[in-house]
Amino acid sequence: MAATNCSMTNAANSPTVVWHKEPNGDQSAMLQGVRLVVMEAAGFARFLLLRRLGSDEKEILLESGSEDNVGTAMEKAVLRAEARVSCQRPT
């Protein structure tokens, strides 16, 4: 199944985020090393912010939340990821 893409920009200074529809129906995107996942279940949408741990395939959960719908969850995921990325200290 081919991925479906949509772009979202929240503010003039925000980067454009390209969302992909996964085969399982989830929406996912990457924002400066943070993977954003939005899933719909039981009448609400849940978002996850994940970061890869080292060079292996394991990811750690940075943050999660829920919203009333997928669109709002996507917007919130981008906002929270931008906040996390902007607060990171250079290594």
Protein backbone atom coordinates (compact mmCIF):
# COMPACT_ATOMS: atom_id res chain seq x y z
CA MET A 1 0.00 0.00 0.00
CA ALA A 2 1.40 3.39 -0.98
CA ALA A 3 1.90 6.05 1.67
CA THR A 4 -0.36 9.09 1.58
CA ASN A 5 1.31 12.44 2.28
CA CYS A 6 -0.03 15.71 3.60
CA SER A 7 1.90 18.77 4.76
CA MET A 8 1.20 20.95 7.75
CA THR A 9 2.78 24.23 8.80
CA ASN A 10 1.70 25.69 12.13
CA ALA A 11 3.38 29.07 12.08
CA ALA A 12 5.43 31.26 9.79
CA ASN A 13 8.70 30.06 11.35
CA SER A 14 7.69 26.40 11.67
CA PRO A 15 9.06 23.79 9.30
CA THR A 16 6.65 21.96 7.04
CA VAL A 17 5.91 18.48 8.35
CA VAL A 18 5.04 15.77 5.83
CA TRP A 19 2.70 13.15 7.22
CA HIS A 20 2.58 9.60 5.83
CA LYS A 21 -0.33 7.22 6.21
CA GLU A 22 1.04 3.88 7.37
CA PRO A 23 -0.43 0.53 6.19
CA ASN A 24 -2.05 0.09 9.64
CA GLY A 25 -3.86 3.46 9.29
CA ASP A 26 -1.62 5.46 11.64
CA GLN A 27 -0.18 8.81 10.53
CA SER A 28 3.56 9.37 11.00
CA ALA A 29 6.11 12.11 10.37
CA MET A 30 9.66 13.09 11.31
CA LEU A 31 10.68 16.42 12.77
CA GLN A 32 14.40 16.90 13.47
CA GLY A 33 14.98 13.38 14.76
CA VAL A 34 11.66 13.03 16.58
CA ARG A 35 9.15 10.58 15.10
CA LEU A 36 5.54 11.69 15.45
CA VAL A 37 2.79 9.05 15.35
CA VAL A 38 -0.95 9.70 15.45
CA MET A 39 -3.43 6.85 15.80
CA GLU A 40 -7.19 6.82 16.03
CA ALA A 41 -9.04 4.51 18.43
CA ALA A 42 -12.29 4.43 20.37
CA GLY A 43 -13.44 7.86 19.19
CA PHE A 44 -10.30 9.82 20.02
CA ALA A 45 -6.82 10.34 18.56
CA ARG A 46 -3.58 9.62 20.40
CA PHE A 47 -0.21 11.14 19.53
CA LEU A 48 3.24 9.80 20.38
CA LEU A 49 6.64 11.48 20.17
CA LEU A 50 9.44 8.93 19.79
CA ARG A 51 13.23 9.14 19.45
CA ARG A 52 15.54 6.41 18.21
CA LEU A 53 17.87 5.15 20.91
CA GLY A 54 21.35 4.78 19.45
CA SER A 55 21.96 2.93 16.21
CA ASP A 56 19.57 0.06 16.89
CA GLU A 57 15.89 0.04 15.98
CA LYS A 58 14.62 0.71 19.53
CA GLU A 59 12.68 3.91 20.15
CA ILE A 60 11.94 5.64 23.42
CA LEU A 61 8.69 7.42 24.16
CA LEU A 62 9.32 11.10 24.82
CA GLU A 63 5.73 12.22 25.22
CA SER A 64 2.15 11.26 24.41
CA GLY A 65 -1.29 12.76 24.58
CA SER A 66 -4.80 12.50 23.23
CA GLU A 67 -7.16 14.82 21.37
CA ASP A 68 -10.71 14.68 20.07
CA ASN A 69 -9.71 14.12 16.43
CA VAL A 70 -6.77 13.19 14.23
CA GLY A 71 -6.22 16.70 12.82
CA THR A 72 -5.95 18.25 16.27
CA ALA A 73 -3.67 15.43 17.44
CA MET A 74 -1.39 16.02 14.43
CA GLU A 75 -1.19 19.74 15.21
CA LYS A 76 -0.49 19.08 18.90
CA ALA A 77 2.19 16.50 18.06
CA VAL A 78 3.99 19.03 15.84
CA LEU A 79 3.77 21.76 18.49
CA ARG A 80 5.09 19.47 21.24
CA ALA A 81 7.91 18.14 19.01
CA GLU A 82 8.91 21.70 18.07
CA ALA A 83 8.99 22.62 21.75
CA ARG A 84 11.20 19.62 22.56
CA VAL A 85 13.57 20.23 19.65
CA SER A 86 13.92 23.95 20.48
CA CYS A 87 14.80 23.11 24.11
CA GLN A 88 17.55 20.60 23.25
CA ARG A 89 21.09 21.58 24.04
CA PRO A 90 23.77 21.09 21.41
CA THR A 91 25.92 18.00 21.96
